[in-house]
Amino acid sequence: MHKIGIDLGGTKTEGILLDEKYDIIERKR
């Protein structure tokens, strides 16, 4: 899940905060 946040880069912090909802982050990709 943290890898997704790092992949986004700018949203790295948000990725960590939404660790539980990583699905939402993936949708942003």
PDB file of N, CA and C in Angstrom:
ATOM      1  N   MET A   1       0.842  -1.197   0.000  1.00  0.00           N
ATOM      2  CA  MET A   1       0.000   0.000   0.000  1.00  0.00           C
ATOM      3  C   MET A   1       0.878   1.247   0.000  1.00  0.00           C
ATOM      4  N   HIS A   2       1.940   1.210   0.778  1.00  0.00           N
ATOM      5  CA  HIS A   2       2.832   2.375   0.819  1.00  0.00           C
ATOM      6  C   HIS A   2       3.495   2.577  -0.537  1.00  0.00           C
ATOM      7  N   LYS A   3       3.727   1.490  -1.260  1.00  0.00           N
ATOM      8  CA  LYS A   3       4.341   1.601  -2.585  1.00  0.00           C
ATOM      9  C   LYS A   3       3.466   2.453  -3.495  1.00  0.00           C
ATOM     10  N   ILE A   4       2.147   2.316  -3.361  1.00  0.00           N
ATOM     11  CA  ILE A   4       1.234   3.102  -4.192  1.00  0.00           C
ATOM     12  C   ILE A   4       1.433   4.589  -3.909  1.00  0.00           C
ATOM     13  N   GLY A   5       1.550   4.927  -2.627  1.00  0.00           N
ATOM     14  CA  GLY A   5       1.741   6.338  -2.251  1.00  0.00           C
ATOM     15  C   GLY A   5       3.039   6.877  -2.842  1.00  0.00           C
ATOM     16  N   ILE A   6       4.097   6.064  -2.774  1.00  0.00           N
ATOM     17  CA  ILE A   6       5.387   6.500  -3.314  1.00  0.00           C
ATOM     18  C   ILE A   6       5.270   6.655  -4.829  1.00  0.00           C
ATOM     19  N   ASP A   7       4.521   5.761  -5.471  1.00  0.00           N
ATOM     20  CA  ASP A   7       4.360   5.814  -6.920  1.00  0.00           C
ATOM     21  C   ASP A   7       3.713   7.135  -7.320  1.00  0.00           C
ATOM     22  N   LEU A   8       2.747   7.582  -6.529  1.00  0.00           N
ATOM     23  CA  LEU A   8       2.078   8.843  -6.829  1.00  0.00           C
ATOM     24  C   LEU A   8       3.029  10.007  -6.599  1.00  0.00           C
ATOM     25  N   GLY A   9       3.930   9.862  -5.647  1.00  0.00           N
ATOM     26  CA  GLY A   9       4.910  10.915  -5.392  1.00  0.00           C
ATOM     27  C   GLY A   9       4.276  12.087  -4.656  1.00  0.00           C
ATOM     28  N   GLY A  10       3.633  12.978  -5.388  1.00  0.00           N
ATOM     29  CA  GLY A  10       3.026  14.159  -4.765  1.00  0.00           C
ATOM     30  C   GLY A  10       1.992  13.763  -3.732  1.00  0.00           C
ATOM     31  N   THR A  11       1.307  12.650  -3.977  1.00  0.00           N
ATOM     32  CA  THR A  11       0.265  12.227  -3.043  1.00  0.00           C
ATOM     33  C   THR A  11       0.811  11.178  -2.088  1.00  0.00           C
ATOM     34  N   LYS A  12       2.127  11.136  -1.931  1.00  0.00           N
ATOM     35  CA  LYS A  12       2.733  10.124  -1.057  1.00  0.00           C
ATOM     36  C   LYS A  12       2.137  10.206   0.341  1.00  0.00           C
ATOM     37  N   THR A  13       2.063  11.413   0.890  1.00  0.00           N
ATOM     38  CA  THR A  13       1.523  11.572   2.241  1.00  0.00           C
ATOM     39  C   THR A  13       0.077  11.112   2.278  1.00  0.00           C
ATOM     40  N   GLU A  14      -0.693  11.515   1.278  1.00  0.00           N
ATOM     41  CA  GLU A  14      -2.105  11.145   1.243  1.00  0.00           C
ATOM     42  C   GLU A  14      -2.239   9.631   1.147  1.00  0.00           C
ATOM     43  N   GLY A  15      -1.330   9.017   0.394  1.00  0.00           N
ATOM     44  CA  GLY A  15      -1.365   7.564   0.241  1.00  0.00           C
ATOM     45  C   GLY A  15      -1.219   6.877   1.586  1.00  0.00           C
ATOM     46  N   ILE A  16      -0.323   7.409   2.418  1.00  0.00           N
ATOM     47  CA  ILE A  16      -0.112   6.808   3.738  1.00  0.00           C
ATOM     48  C   ILE A  16      -1.360   7.016   4.603  1.00  0.00           C
ATOM     49  N   LEU A  17      -1.933   8.219   4.532  1.00  0.00           N
ATOM     50  CA  LEU A  17      -3.115   8.506   5.344  1.00  0.00           C
ATOM     51  C   LEU A  17      -4.271   7.614   4.906  1.00  0.00           C
ATOM     52  N   LEU A  18      -4.356   7.364   3.591  1.00  0.00           N
ATOM     53  CA  LEU A  18      -5.436   6.523   3.084  1.00  0.00           C
ATOM     54  C   LEU A  18      -4.947   5.089   2.925  1.00  0.00           C
ATOM     55  N   ASP A  19      -4.018   4.693   3.793  1.00  0.00           N
ATOM     56  CA  ASP A  19      -3.475   3.341   3.713  1.00  0.00           C
ATOM     57  C   ASP A  19      -4.607   2.320   3.740  1.00  0.00           C
ATOM     58  N   GLU A  20      -5.590   2.547   4.590  1.00  0.00           N
ATOM     59  CA  GLU A  20      -6.714   1.619   4.685  1.00  0.00           C
ATOM     60  C   GLU A  20      -7.555   1.679   3.416  1.00  0.00           C
ATOM     61  N   LYS A  21      -7.643   2.874   2.817  1.00  0.00           N
ATOM     62  CA  LYS A  21      -8.464   3.026   1.612  1.00  0.00           C
ATOM     63  C   LYS A  21      -7.564   3.174   0.392  1.00  0.00           C
ATOM     64  N   TYR A  22      -6.534   2.323   0.316  1.00  0.00           N
ATOM     65  CA  TYR A  22      -5.606   2.384  -0.819  1.00  0.00           C
ATOM     66  C   TYR A  22      -6.363   2.241  -2.131  1.00  0.00           C
ATOM     67  N   ASP A  23      -7.541   1.611  -2.072  1.00  0.00           N
ATOM     68  CA  ASP A  23      -8.343   1.423  -3.279  1.00  0.00           C
ATOM     69  C   ASP A  23      -8.669   2.773  -3.902  1.00  0.00           C
ATOM     70  N   ILE A  24      -8.977   3.770  -3.062  1.00  0.00           N
ATOM     71  CA  ILE A  24      -9.306   5.101  -3.563  1.00  0.00           C
ATOM     72  C   ILE A  24      -8.081   5.710  -4.241  1.00  0.00           C
ATOM     73  N   ILE A  25      -6.907   5.504  -3.657  1.00  0.00           N
ATOM     74  CA  ILE A  25      -5.682   6.062  -4.242  1.00  0.00           C
ATOM     75  C   ILE A  25      -5.450   5.436  -5.614  1.00  0.00           C
ATOM     76  N   GLU A  26      -5.677   4.130  -5.710  1.00  0.00           N
ATOM     77  CA  GLU A  26      -5.450   3.447  -6.978  1.00  0.00           C
ATOM     78  C   GLU A  26      -6.364   4.032  -8.047  1.00  0.00           C
ATOM     79  N   ARG A  27      -7.565   4.425  -7.675  1.00  0.00           N
ATOM     80  CA  ARG A  27      -8.495   5.006  -8.638  1.00  0.00           C
ATOM     81  C   ARG A  27      -7.943   6.321  -9.180  1.00  0.00           C
ATOM     82  N   LYS A  28      -7.225   7.079  -8.324  1.00  0.00           N
ATOM     83  CA  LYS A  28      -6.637   8.347  -8.770  1.00  0.00           C
ATOM     84  C   LYS A  28      -5.576   8.098  -9.827  1.00  0.00           C
ATOM     85  N   ARG A  29      -4.916   6.933  -9.767  1.00  0.00           N
ATOM     86  CA  ARG A  29      -3.879   6.612 -10.751  1.00  0.00           C
ATOM     87  C   ARG A  29      -4.531   6.618 -12.112  1.00  0.00           C
TER      88      ARG A  29
END
